[in-house]
Amino acid sequence: MTTCIALLRAINLPGHNKVGMGDLSKLCGELGLTDARTLLQTGNLVFRSKSSAAARLEASLESTAKKRLGLDTEFFVRTAEEWKEIVEANPFPKEAKSDPAHLVVMLLKDAPDPKSVTALQDAIKGREVVRAGGRQAYLVYPDGIGRSRLTTVLIEGKLGTRGTGRNWNTVLKLGALAGIGARDGSR
């Protein structure tokens, strides 16, 4: 069995994609996923699976959530080992330690090409900083996330793929829930 972490995109927003965490855990059980646990109310799941094929798990979770819960959203799945690598590859160790709420990891459906990452970096109008590698991007919002012009729409448009993000505090909590012994990314 492989421990996996799944992030749901844009759930439990005001008037949009309401779902209970207990319903998500039950959904996992219906799919044969075991030991399902949730973190916060923003769509963070940890579970065990016989399969470690992220694309297959994502498709299964998405279609079943739509049928059973009326939830039309995307799931982003990584194994615990991949999560550990995400934490350890953090290019912003100083920010991880000093301001983890403004350091975001965005999981992506597909790995963007280097030209797309450069286009995103060139489009930044404020002090935000972006680094991407593989199927994730790391974003620093030194002046806060709420007023930033570095929005999900801009990020996805420039990178050419869909994504969902969590701040560094949540990333570390999910790693702990998955039982990985990753360093905290602050080196």
N, C-alpha and C. Protein backbone atom coordinates (compact mmCIF):
# COMPACT_ATOMS: atom_id res chain seq x y z
N MET A 1 0.84 -1.19 0.00
CA MET A 1 0.00 0.00 0.00
C MET A 1 0.88 1.25 0.00
N THR A 2 0.46 2.23 -0.75
CA THR A 2 1.18 3.49 -0.87
C THR A 2 0.39 4.60 -0.19
N THR A 3 1.06 5.38 0.63
CA THR A 3 0.41 6.55 1.23
C THR A 3 0.42 7.67 0.21
N CYS A 4 -0.75 8.30 0.04
CA CYS A 4 -0.91 9.38 -0.93
C CYS A 4 -1.53 10.61 -0.27
N ILE A 5 -1.25 11.75 -0.84
CA ILE A 5 -1.84 13.01 -0.44
C ILE A 5 -2.60 13.56 -1.64
N ALA A 6 -3.83 13.99 -1.41
CA ALA A 6 -4.64 14.57 -2.48
C ALA A 6 -5.11 15.95 -2.04
N LEU A 7 -4.97 16.90 -2.92
CA LEU A 7 -5.50 18.25 -2.70
C LEU A 7 -6.65 18.46 -3.67
N LEU A 8 -7.75 18.98 -3.15
CA LEU A 8 -8.89 19.31 -3.99
C LEU A 8 -8.82 20.79 -4.32
N ARG A 9 -9.24 21.10 -5.51
CA ARG A 9 -9.20 22.49 -5.97
C ARG A 9 -10.52 23.19 -5.67
N ALA A 10 -10.41 24.34 -5.04
CA ALA A 10 -11.53 25.28 -4.90
C ALA A 10 -12.79 24.65 -4.31
N ILE A 11 -12.67 24.08 -3.11
CA ILE A 11 -13.88 23.59 -2.45
C ILE A 11 -14.15 24.40 -1.19
N ASN A 12 -15.39 24.33 -0.76
CA ASN A 12 -15.86 25.02 0.45
C ASN A 12 -15.60 26.52 0.44
N LEU A 13 -15.66 27.08 -0.76
CA LEU A 13 -15.62 28.53 -0.90
C LEU A 13 -17.05 29.04 -0.73
N PRO A 14 -17.24 30.29 -0.38
CA PRO A 14 -18.62 30.78 -0.21
C PRO A 14 -19.49 30.50 -1.44
N GLY A 15 -20.50 29.66 -1.22
CA GLY A 15 -21.45 29.34 -2.29
C GLY A 15 -20.91 28.45 -3.39
N HIS A 16 -19.81 27.77 -3.16
CA HIS A 16 -19.17 27.01 -4.25
C HIS A 16 -18.58 25.70 -3.73
N ASN A 17 -18.97 24.60 -4.35
CA ASN A 17 -18.38 23.28 -4.09
C ASN A 17 -18.32 22.93 -2.60
N LYS A 18 -19.46 23.00 -1.94
CA LYS A 18 -19.53 22.65 -0.52
C LYS A 18 -19.46 21.13 -0.37
N VAL A 19 -18.60 20.67 0.53
CA VAL A 19 -18.48 19.24 0.81
C VAL A 19 -17.92 19.06 2.22
N GLY A 20 -18.46 18.07 2.91
CA GLY A 20 -17.96 17.76 4.24
C GLY A 20 -16.75 16.85 4.17
N MET A 21 -15.84 17.02 5.11
CA MET A 21 -14.63 16.20 5.10
C MET A 21 -14.97 14.73 5.37
N GLY A 22 -16.01 14.48 6.17
CA GLY A 22 -16.45 13.12 6.41
C GLY A 22 -16.93 12.46 5.12
N ASP A 23 -17.58 13.24 4.27
CA ASP A 23 -18.04 12.71 2.98
C ASP A 23 -16.85 12.34 2.09
N LEU A 24 -15.79 13.13 2.15
CA LEU A 24 -14.59 12.80 1.37
C LEU A 24 -13.93 11.52 1.87
N SER A 25 -13.87 11.36 3.18
CA SER A 25 -13.29 10.14 3.75
C SER A 25 -14.12 8.92 3.34
N LYS A 26 -15.44 9.06 3.38
CA LYS A 26 -16.32 7.96 2.98
C LYS A 26 -16.14 7.64 1.50
N LEU A 27 -16.00 8.65 0.69
CA LEU A 27 -15.76 8.47 -0.75
C LEU A 27 -14.50 7.64 -0.98
N CYS A 28 -13.45 7.93 -0.22
CA CYS A 28 -12.21 7.17 -0.34
C CYS A 28 -12.47 5.70 -0.05
N GLY A 29 -13.24 5.43 1.00
CA GLY A 29 -13.56 4.05 1.34
C GLY A 29 -14.30 3.34 0.22
N GLU A 30 -15.22 4.04 -0.43
CA GLU A 30 -15.97 3.46 -1.55
C GLU A 30 -15.05 3.09 -2.71
N LEU A 31 -13.94 3.77 -2.82
CA LEU A 31 -12.98 3.50 -3.91
C LEU A 31 -11.90 2.49 -3.50
N GLY A 32 -12.01 1.95 -2.30
CA GLY A 32 -11.02 0.99 -1.83
C GLY A 32 -9.76 1.62 -1.28
N LEU A 33 -9.81 2.92 -1.03
CA LEU A 33 -8.68 3.62 -0.43
C LEU A 33 -8.85 3.52 1.08
N THR A 34 -7.79 3.26 1.80
CA THR A 34 -7.90 3.02 3.23
C THR A 34 -7.25 4.13 4.05
N ASP A 35 -7.56 4.12 5.34
CA ASP A 35 -6.98 5.05 6.31
C ASP A 35 -7.13 6.51 5.88
N ALA A 36 -8.26 6.86 5.28
CA ALA A 36 -8.46 8.23 4.79
C ALA A 36 -8.60 9.19 5.96
N ARG A 37 -7.82 10.27 5.90
CA ARG A 37 -7.86 11.34 6.90
C ARG A 37 -7.88 12.67 6.17
N THR A 38 -8.50 13.65 6.80
CA THR A 38 -8.56 14.98 6.20
C THR A 38 -7.85 15.98 7.09
N LEU A 39 -7.48 17.10 6.50
CA LEU A 39 -6.84 18.20 7.23
C LEU A 39 -7.53 19.48 6.81
N LEU A 40 -8.01 20.22 7.79
CA LEU A 40 -8.71 21.48 7.56
C LEU A 40 -9.97 21.24 6.73
N GLN A 41 -10.63 22.28 6.32
CA GLN A 41 -11.87 22.17 5.54
C GLN A 41 -11.66 22.58 4.08
N THR A 42 -10.41 22.59 3.65
CA THR A 42 -10.10 23.11 2.32
C THR A 42 -9.76 22.03 1.31
N GLY A 43 -10.05 20.77 1.65
CA GLY A 43 -9.85 19.71 0.68
C GLY A 43 -8.46 19.14 0.68
N ASN A 44 -8.03 18.63 1.82
CA ASN A 44 -6.73 17.99 1.94
C ASN A 44 -6.96 16.58 2.46
N LEU A 45 -6.55 15.58 1.70
CA LEU A 45 -6.76 14.18 2.05
C LEU A 45 -5.44 13.45 2.12
N VAL A 46 -5.35 12.52 3.05
CA VAL A 46 -4.24 11.57 3.11
C VAL A 46 -4.90 10.20 3.17
N PHE A 47 -4.44 9.26 2.34
CA PHE A 47 -5.02 7.93 2.31
C PHE A 47 -3.98 6.93 1.84
N ARG A 48 -4.33 5.66 1.96
CA ARG A 48 -3.47 4.58 1.46
C ARG A 48 -4.16 3.92 0.28
N SER A 49 -3.35 3.56 -0.72
CA SER A 49 -3.89 3.00 -1.96
C SER A 49 -3.01 1.86 -2.45
N LYS A 50 -3.64 0.92 -3.12
CA LYS A 50 -2.88 -0.16 -3.76
C LYS A 50 -2.13 0.38 -4.98
N SER A 51 -2.64 1.46 -5.54
CA SER A 51 -2.04 2.07 -6.73
C SER A 51 -1.30 3.35 -6.34
N SER A 52 -0.20 3.60 -7.02
CA SER A 52 0.49 4.87 -6.82
C SER A 52 0.43 5.71 -8.10
N ALA A 53 -0.40 5.30 -9.05
CA ALA A 53 -0.53 6.02 -10.33
C ALA A 53 -1.41 7.25 -10.12
N ALA A 54 -0.78 8.41 -10.00
CA ALA A 54 -1.49 9.65 -9.68
C ALA A 54 -2.61 9.95 -10.66
N ALA A 55 -2.34 9.85 -11.95
CA ALA A 55 -3.36 10.20 -12.95
C ALA A 55 -4.59 9.31 -12.81
N ARG A 56 -4.37 8.04 -12.56
CA ARG A 56 -5.50 7.11 -12.40
C ARG A 56 -6.29 7.44 -11.13
N LEU A 57 -5.58 7.69 -10.04
CA LEU A 57 -6.25 8.04 -8.79
C LEU A 57 -7.02 9.36 -8.94
N GLU A 58 -6.41 10.36 -9.57
CA GLU A 58 -7.08 11.64 -9.77
C GLU A 58 -8.37 11.46 -10.56
N ALA A 59 -8.31 10.72 -11.66
CA ALA A 59 -9.49 10.51 -12.51
C ALA A 59 -10.58 9.78 -11.75
N SER A 60 -10.21 8.77 -10.99
CA SER A 60 -11.18 8.00 -10.22
C SER A 60 -11.83 8.86 -9.14
N LEU A 61 -11.03 9.62 -8.40
CA LEU A 61 -11.57 10.50 -7.36
C LEU A 61 -12.47 11.58 -7.96
N GLU A 62 -12.04 12.18 -9.06
CA GLU A 62 -12.83 13.24 -9.69
C GLU A 62 -14.18 12.73 -10.18
N SER A 63 -14.18 11.60 -10.89
CA SER A 63 -15.45 11.09 -11.44
C SER A 63 -16.38 10.60 -10.33
N THR A 64 -15.84 9.93 -9.33
CA THR A 64 -16.68 9.43 -8.25
C THR A 64 -17.22 10.58 -7.39
N ALA A 65 -16.40 11.59 -7.13
CA ALA A 65 -16.87 12.75 -6.36
C ALA A 65 -18.00 13.46 -7.10
N LYS A 66 -17.91 13.52 -8.41
CA LYS A 66 -18.96 14.17 -9.19
C LYS A 66 -20.25 13.36 -9.12
N LYS A 67 -20.14 12.04 -9.28
CA LYS A 67 -21.33 11.18 -9.25
C LYS A 67 -21.96 11.10 -7.87
N ARG A 68 -21.15 10.88 -6.85
CA ARG A 68 -21.67 10.60 -5.50
C ARG A 68 -21.97 11.86 -4.69
N LEU A 69 -21.16 12.90 -4.88
CA LEU A 69 -21.29 14.10 -4.05
C LEU A 69 -21.74 15.34 -4.82
N GLY A 70 -21.84 15.22 -6.14
CA GLY A 70 -22.17 16.39 -6.96
C GLY A 70 -21.05 17.41 -6.94
N LEU A 71 -19.84 16.94 -6.65
CA LEU A 71 -18.67 17.82 -6.51
C LEU A 71 -17.87 17.81 -7.81
N ASP A 72 -17.90 18.92 -8.52
CA ASP A 72 -17.19 19.04 -9.79
C ASP A 72 -15.90 19.83 -9.56
N THR A 73 -14.83 19.10 -9.25
CA THR A 73 -13.54 19.75 -8.97
C THR A 73 -12.41 18.82 -9.35
N GLU A 74 -11.22 19.36 -9.34
CA GLU A 74 -10.04 18.55 -9.66
C GLU A 74 -9.33 18.11 -8.40
N PHE A 75 -8.74 16.92 -8.47
CA PHE A 75 -7.91 16.37 -7.40
C PHE A 75 -6.47 16.35 -7.90
N PHE A 76 -5.54 16.64 -7.02
CA PHE A 76 -4.11 16.62 -7.34
C PHE A 76 -3.47 15.64 -6.36
N VAL A 77 -2.99 14.51 -6.86
CA VAL A 77 -2.50 13.43 -6.01
C VAL A 77 -0.98 13.31 -6.13
N ARG A 78 -0.33 13.14 -4.98
CA ARG A 78 1.10 12.85 -4.92
C ARG A 78 1.31 11.76 -3.88
N THR A 79 2.29 10.90 -4.11
CA THR A 79 2.63 9.91 -3.09
C THR A 79 3.36 10.61 -1.95
N ALA A 80 3.43 9.93 -0.82
CA ALA A 80 4.16 10.50 0.32
C ALA A 80 5.62 10.73 -0.04
N GLU A 81 6.19 9.84 -0.83
CA GLU A 81 7.59 10.02 -1.24
C GLU A 81 7.74 11.26 -2.12
N GLU A 82 6.80 11.47 -3.04
CA GLU A 82 6.83 12.68 -3.86
C GLU A 82 6.66 13.92 -2.98
N TRP A 83 5.80 13.83 -1.97
CA TRP A 83 5.58 14.97 -1.06
C TRP A 83 6.87 15.31 -0.33
N LYS A 84 7.55 14.28 0.13
CA LYS A 84 8.83 14.48 0.81
C LYS A 84 9.81 15.21 -0.11
N GLU A 85 9.85 14.81 -1.36
CA GLU A 85 10.74 15.46 -2.34
C GLU A 85 10.33 16.91 -2.58
N ILE A 86 9.02 17.18 -2.60
CA ILE A 86 8.53 18.55 -2.76
C ILE A 86 9.03 19.42 -1.61
N VAL A 87 8.92 18.90 -0.39
CA VAL A 87 9.37 19.65 0.78
C VAL A 87 10.88 19.89 0.71
N GLU A 88 11.62 18.85 0.41
CA GLU A 88 13.08 18.97 0.41
C GLU A 88 13.61 19.81 -0.74
N ALA A 89 12.83 19.93 -1.83
CA ALA A 89 13.28 20.72 -2.99
C ALA A 89 12.90 22.20 -2.88
N ASN A 90 12.29 22.60 -1.79
CA ASN A 90 11.86 23.99 -1.61
C ASN A 90 13.02 24.95 -1.90
N PRO A 91 12.86 25.80 -2.92
CA PRO A 91 13.94 26.75 -3.25
C PRO A 91 13.95 28.00 -2.36
N PHE A 92 13.03 28.07 -1.40
CA PHE A 92 12.90 29.25 -0.54
C PHE A 92 13.01 28.87 0.93
N PRO A 93 14.16 28.36 1.37
CA PRO A 93 14.28 27.93 2.77
C PRO A 93 14.15 29.07 3.78
N LYS A 94 14.64 30.26 3.43
CA LYS A 94 14.55 31.40 4.34
C LYS A 94 13.08 31.76 4.59
N GLU A 95 12.29 31.81 3.53
CA GLU A 95 10.88 32.15 3.65
C GLU A 95 10.11 31.05 4.38
N ALA A 96 10.52 29.80 4.20
CA ALA A 96 9.87 28.69 4.89
C ALA A 96 9.98 28.85 6.39
N LYS A 97 11.10 29.38 6.81
CA LYS A 97 11.35 29.57 8.24
C LYS A 97 10.74 30.88 8.75
N SER A 98 10.91 31.96 8.00
CA SER A 98 10.51 33.28 8.51
C SER A 98 9.06 33.66 8.22
N ASP A 99 8.48 33.16 7.13
CA ASP A 99 7.13 33.58 6.75
C ASP A 99 6.40 32.46 6.00
N PRO A 100 6.18 31.31 6.67
CA PRO A 100 5.62 30.15 5.98
C PRO A 100 4.20 30.36 5.46
N ALA A 101 3.45 31.29 6.01
CA ALA A 101 2.09 31.53 5.53
C ALA A 101 2.07 32.18 4.16
N HIS A 102 3.18 32.83 3.77
CA HIS A 102 3.24 33.50 2.46
C HIS A 102 4.10 32.74 1.45
N LEU A 103 4.47 31.52 1.79
CA LEU A 103 5.14 30.62 0.85
C LEU A 103 4.11 29.56 0.46
N VAL A 104 3.85 29.45 -0.83
CA VAL A 104 2.82 28.55 -1.33
C VAL A 104 3.45 27.53 -2.27
N VAL A 105 3.01 26.29 -2.12
CA VAL A 105 3.35 25.25 -3.10
C VAL A 105 2.09 25.01 -3.91
N MET A 106 2.20 25.13 -5.22
CA MET A 106 1.08 24.88 -6.11
C MET A 106 1.34 23.57 -6.85
N LEU A 107 0.48 22.58 -6.61
CA LEU A 107 0.56 21.34 -7.36
C LEU A 107 -0.06 21.57 -8.72
N LEU A 108 0.57 21.04 -9.75
CA LEU A 108 0.13 21.25 -11.13
C LEU A 108 -0.26 19.92 -11.76
N LYS A 109 -1.19 19.96 -12.69
CA LYS A 109 -1.58 18.74 -13.42
C LYS A 109 -0.43 18.26 -14.30
N ASP A 110 0.25 19.19 -14.94
CA ASP A 110 1.35 18.84 -15.85
C ASP A 110 2.55 19.73 -15.55
N ALA A 111 3.73 19.22 -15.84
CA ALA A 111 4.95 20.00 -15.66
C ALA A 111 5.04 21.05 -16.77
N PRO A 112 5.19 22.32 -16.42
CA PRO A 112 5.31 23.36 -17.45
C PRO A 112 6.69 23.35 -18.08
N ASP A 113 6.75 23.82 -19.31
CA ASP A 113 8.06 23.91 -19.96
C ASP A 113 8.78 25.17 -19.45
N PRO A 114 10.10 25.20 -19.55
CA PRO A 114 10.87 26.35 -19.03
C PRO A 114 10.46 27.70 -19.60
N LYS A 115 10.06 27.74 -20.88
CA LYS A 115 9.63 29.01 -21.48
C LYS A 115 8.37 29.54 -20.80
N SER A 116 7.47 28.65 -20.43
CA SER A 116 6.25 29.06 -19.73
C SER A 116 6.56 29.61 -18.35
N VAL A 117 7.51 28.99 -17.66
CA VAL A 117 7.90 29.47 -16.34
C VAL A 117 8.52 30.86 -16.46
N THR A 118 9.36 31.05 -17.45
CA THR A 118 9.97 32.36 -17.69
C THR A 118 8.90 33.40 -18.01
N ALA A 119 7.91 33.03 -18.82
CA ALA A 119 6.82 33.95 -19.15
C ALA A 119 6.05 34.35 -17.90
N LEU A 120 5.84 33.41 -16.99
CA LEU A 120 5.17 33.73 -15.73
C LEU A 120 6.02 34.68 -14.89
N GLN A 121 7.30 34.38 -14.77
CA GLN A 121 8.19 35.23 -13.99
C GLN A 121 8.22 36.65 -14.57
N ASP A 122 8.22 36.76 -15.89
CA ASP A 122 8.23 38.07 -16.54
C ASP A 122 6.93 38.85 -16.35
N ALA A 123 5.82 38.13 -16.09
CA ALA A 123 4.51 38.76 -15.93
C ALA A 123 4.28 39.30 -14.52
N ILE A 124 5.15 38.99 -13.60
CA ILE A 124 4.97 39.42 -12.21
C ILE A 124 5.19 40.93 -12.11
N LYS A 125 4.22 41.61 -11.51
CA LYS A 125 4.28 43.07 -11.39
C LYS A 125 4.71 43.53 -10.00
N GLY A 126 4.65 42.64 -9.03
CA GLY A 126 5.00 43.01 -7.66
C GLY A 126 6.30 42.36 -7.23
N ARG A 127 6.42 42.12 -5.91
CA ARG A 127 7.64 41.54 -5.37
C ARG A 127 7.58 40.01 -5.26
N GLU A 128 6.53 39.41 -5.79
CA GLU A 128 6.38 37.96 -5.72
C GLU A 128 7.49 37.28 -6.52
N VAL A 129 7.80 36.05 -6.09
CA VAL A 129 8.84 35.27 -6.75
C VAL A 129 8.28 33.88 -7.01
N VAL A 130 8.60 33.32 -8.18
CA VAL A 130 8.12 31.99 -8.55
C VAL A 130 9.28 31.13 -9.02
N ARG A 131 9.28 29.88 -8.58
CA ARG A 131 10.19 28.86 -9.11
C ARG A 131 9.33 27.63 -9.38
N ALA A 132 9.61 26.94 -10.45
CA ALA A 132 8.84 25.73 -10.77
C ALA A 132 9.80 24.61 -11.13
N GLY A 133 9.39 23.42 -10.75
CA GLY A 133 10.17 22.24 -11.09
C GLY A 133 9.25 21.03 -11.05
N GLY A 134 9.24 20.26 -12.10
CA GLY A 134 8.34 19.12 -12.15
C GLY A 134 6.90 19.58 -12.18
N ARG A 135 6.05 18.89 -11.43
CA ARG A 135 4.62 19.21 -11.42
C ARG A 135 4.23 20.06 -10.21
N GLN A 136 5.12 21.00 -9.83
CA GLN A 136 4.80 21.94 -8.77
C GLN A 136 5.53 23.25 -8.98
N ALA A 137 4.94 24.28 -8.41
CA ALA A 137 5.55 25.60 -8.42
C ALA A 137 5.59 26.09 -6.98
N TYR A 138 6.62 26.86 -6.67
CA TYR A 138 6.78 27.46 -5.35
C TYR A 138 6.63 28.96 -5.54
N LEU A 139 5.78 29.59 -4.73
CA LEU A 139 5.48 31.00 -4.89
C LEU A 139 5.67 31.71 -3.56
N VAL A 140 6.33 32.84 -3.59
CA VAL A 140 6.52 33.65 -2.40
C VAL A 140 5.74 34.95 -2.61
N TYR A 141 4.90 35.26 -1.63
CA TYR A 141 4.08 36.47 -1.64
C TYR A 141 4.49 37.34 -0.46
N PRO A 142 5.59 38.10 -0.57
CA PRO A 142 6.09 38.86 0.58
C PRO A 142 5.13 39.93 1.09
N ASP A 143 4.25 40.41 0.23
CA ASP A 143 3.30 41.45 0.62
C ASP A 143 1.90 40.91 0.86
N GLY A 144 1.77 39.60 0.94
CA GLY A 144 0.47 38.96 1.17
C GLY A 144 -0.13 38.41 -0.11
N ILE A 145 -1.01 37.46 0.06
CA ILE A 145 -1.61 36.76 -1.08
C ILE A 145 -2.86 37.48 -1.56
N GLY A 146 -3.67 37.99 -0.64
CA GLY A 146 -4.98 38.56 -0.97
C GLY A 146 -4.97 39.69 -1.97
N ARG A 147 -3.98 40.56 -1.91
CA ARG A 147 -3.94 41.72 -2.81
C ARG A 147 -3.00 41.53 -4.00
N SER A 148 -2.36 40.39 -4.05
CA SER A 148 -1.38 40.16 -5.11
C SER A 148 -2.05 40.03 -6.48
N ARG A 149 -1.34 40.49 -7.48
CA ARG A 149 -1.80 40.30 -8.86
C ARG A 149 -1.31 38.97 -9.44
N LEU A 150 -0.51 38.25 -8.66
CA LEU A 150 -0.06 36.92 -9.07
C LEU A 150 -1.16 35.93 -8.66
N THR A 151 -2.19 35.86 -9.50
CA THR A 151 -3.38 35.07 -9.20
C THR A 151 -3.29 33.69 -9.84
N THR A 152 -4.18 32.82 -9.40
CA THR A 152 -4.25 31.48 -9.99
C THR A 152 -4.53 31.57 -11.49
N VAL A 153 -5.38 32.48 -11.90
CA VAL A 153 -5.71 32.64 -13.32
C VAL A 153 -4.45 33.00 -14.12
N LEU A 154 -3.66 33.93 -13.61
CA LEU A 154 -2.42 34.32 -14.29
C LEU A 154 -1.43 33.14 -14.31
N ILE A 155 -1.27 32.50 -13.18
CA ILE A 155 -0.32 31.38 -13.09
C ILE A 155 -0.69 30.28 -14.07
N GLU A 156 -1.95 29.85 -14.04
CA GLU A 156 -2.38 28.78 -14.94
C GLU A 156 -2.30 29.20 -16.41
N GLY A 157 -2.64 30.44 -16.68
CA GLY A 157 -2.57 30.92 -18.06
C GLY A 157 -1.16 30.90 -18.62
N LYS A 158 -0.22 31.35 -17.82
CA LYS A 158 1.18 31.39 -18.28
C LYS A 158 1.81 30.00 -18.31
N LEU A 159 1.47 29.15 -17.32
CA LEU A 159 2.08 27.81 -17.27
C LEU A 159 1.37 26.81 -18.18
N GLY A 160 0.14 27.13 -18.58
CA GLY A 160 -0.59 26.24 -19.48
C GLY A 160 -1.07 24.96 -18.82
N THR A 161 -1.33 25.01 -17.51
CA THR A 161 -1.83 23.84 -16.80
C THR A 161 -2.61 24.30 -15.57
N ARG A 162 -3.44 23.42 -15.05
CA ARG A 162 -4.25 23.73 -13.88
C ARG A 162 -3.47 23.44 -12.61
N GLY A 163 -3.83 24.10 -11.51
CA GLY A 163 -3.14 23.87 -10.26
C GLY A 163 -3.97 24.24 -9.05
N THR A 164 -3.48 23.85 -7.89
CA THR A 164 -4.06 24.26 -6.62
C THR A 164 -2.93 24.39 -5.61
N GLY A 165 -3.01 25.38 -4.75
CA GLY A 165 -1.91 25.67 -3.85
C GLY A 165 -2.27 25.57 -2.39
N ARG A 166 -1.23 25.36 -1.56
CA ARG A 166 -1.36 25.36 -0.11
C ARG A 166 -0.16 26.08 0.47
N ASN A 167 -0.37 26.78 1.57
CA ASN A 167 0.77 27.47 2.17
C ASN A 167 1.69 26.46 2.86
N TRP A 168 2.88 26.92 3.19
CA TRP A 168 3.93 26.04 3.70
C TRP A 168 3.52 25.35 5.00
N ASN A 169 2.78 26.07 5.85
CA ASN A 169 2.31 25.45 7.09
C ASN A 169 1.47 24.21 6.79
N THR A 170 0.55 24.33 5.84
CA THR A 170 -0.31 23.20 5.47
C THR A 170 0.50 22.10 4.80
N VAL A 171 1.45 22.47 3.97
CA VAL A 171 2.32 21.47 3.32
C VAL A 171 3.00 20.60 4.37
N LEU A 172 3.55 21.23 5.40
CA LEU A 172 4.24 20.48 6.46
C LEU A 172 3.27 19.64 7.28
N LYS A 173 2.09 20.17 7.57
CA LYS A 173 1.09 19.41 8.32
C LYS A 173 0.64 18.17 7.54
N LEU A 174 0.47 18.32 6.24
CA LEU A 174 0.09 17.17 5.42
C LEU A 174 1.21 16.13 5.40
N GLY A 175 2.44 16.58 5.32
CA GLY A 175 3.56 15.64 5.37
C GLY A 175 3.58 14.87 6.67
N ALA A 176 3.34 15.56 7.78
CA ALA A 176 3.31 14.89 9.08
C ALA A 176 2.15 13.90 9.15
N LEU A 177 1.00 14.28 8.62
CA LEU A 177 -0.16 13.40 8.61
C LEU A 177 0.10 12.15 7.77
N ALA A 178 0.91 12.31 6.73
CA ALA A 178 1.26 11.19 5.86
C ALA A 178 2.41 10.36 6.45
N GLY A 179 2.98 10.84 7.55
CA GLY A 179 4.03 10.08 8.22
C GLY A 179 5.39 10.13 7.56
N ILE A 180 5.63 11.21 6.80
CA ILE A 180 6.94 11.29 6.17
C ILE A 180 7.90 12.06 7.07
N GLY A 181 9.14 11.69 7.00
CA GLY A 181 10.17 12.32 7.82
C GLY A 181 10.98 13.32 7.04
N ALA A 182 10.30 14.13 6.24
CA ALA A 182 11.01 15.13 5.44
C ALA A 182 11.53 16.25 6.31
N ARG A 183 12.64 16.82 5.88
CA ARG A 183 13.08 18.05 6.54
C ARG A 183 12.04 19.11 6.28
N ASP A 184 12.08 20.18 7.02
CA ASP A 184 11.04 21.20 6.89
C ASP A 184 11.24 22.15 5.72
N GLY A 185 12.24 21.93 4.89
CA GLY A 185 12.47 22.77 3.74
C GLY A 185 13.11 24.09 4.07
N SER A 186 13.51 24.27 5.32
CA SER A 186 14.16 25.53 5.69
C SER A 186 15.67 25.35 5.81
N ARG A 187 16.13 24.17 5.51
CA ARG A 187 17.55 23.78 5.49
C ARG A 187 18.27 24.39 6.63
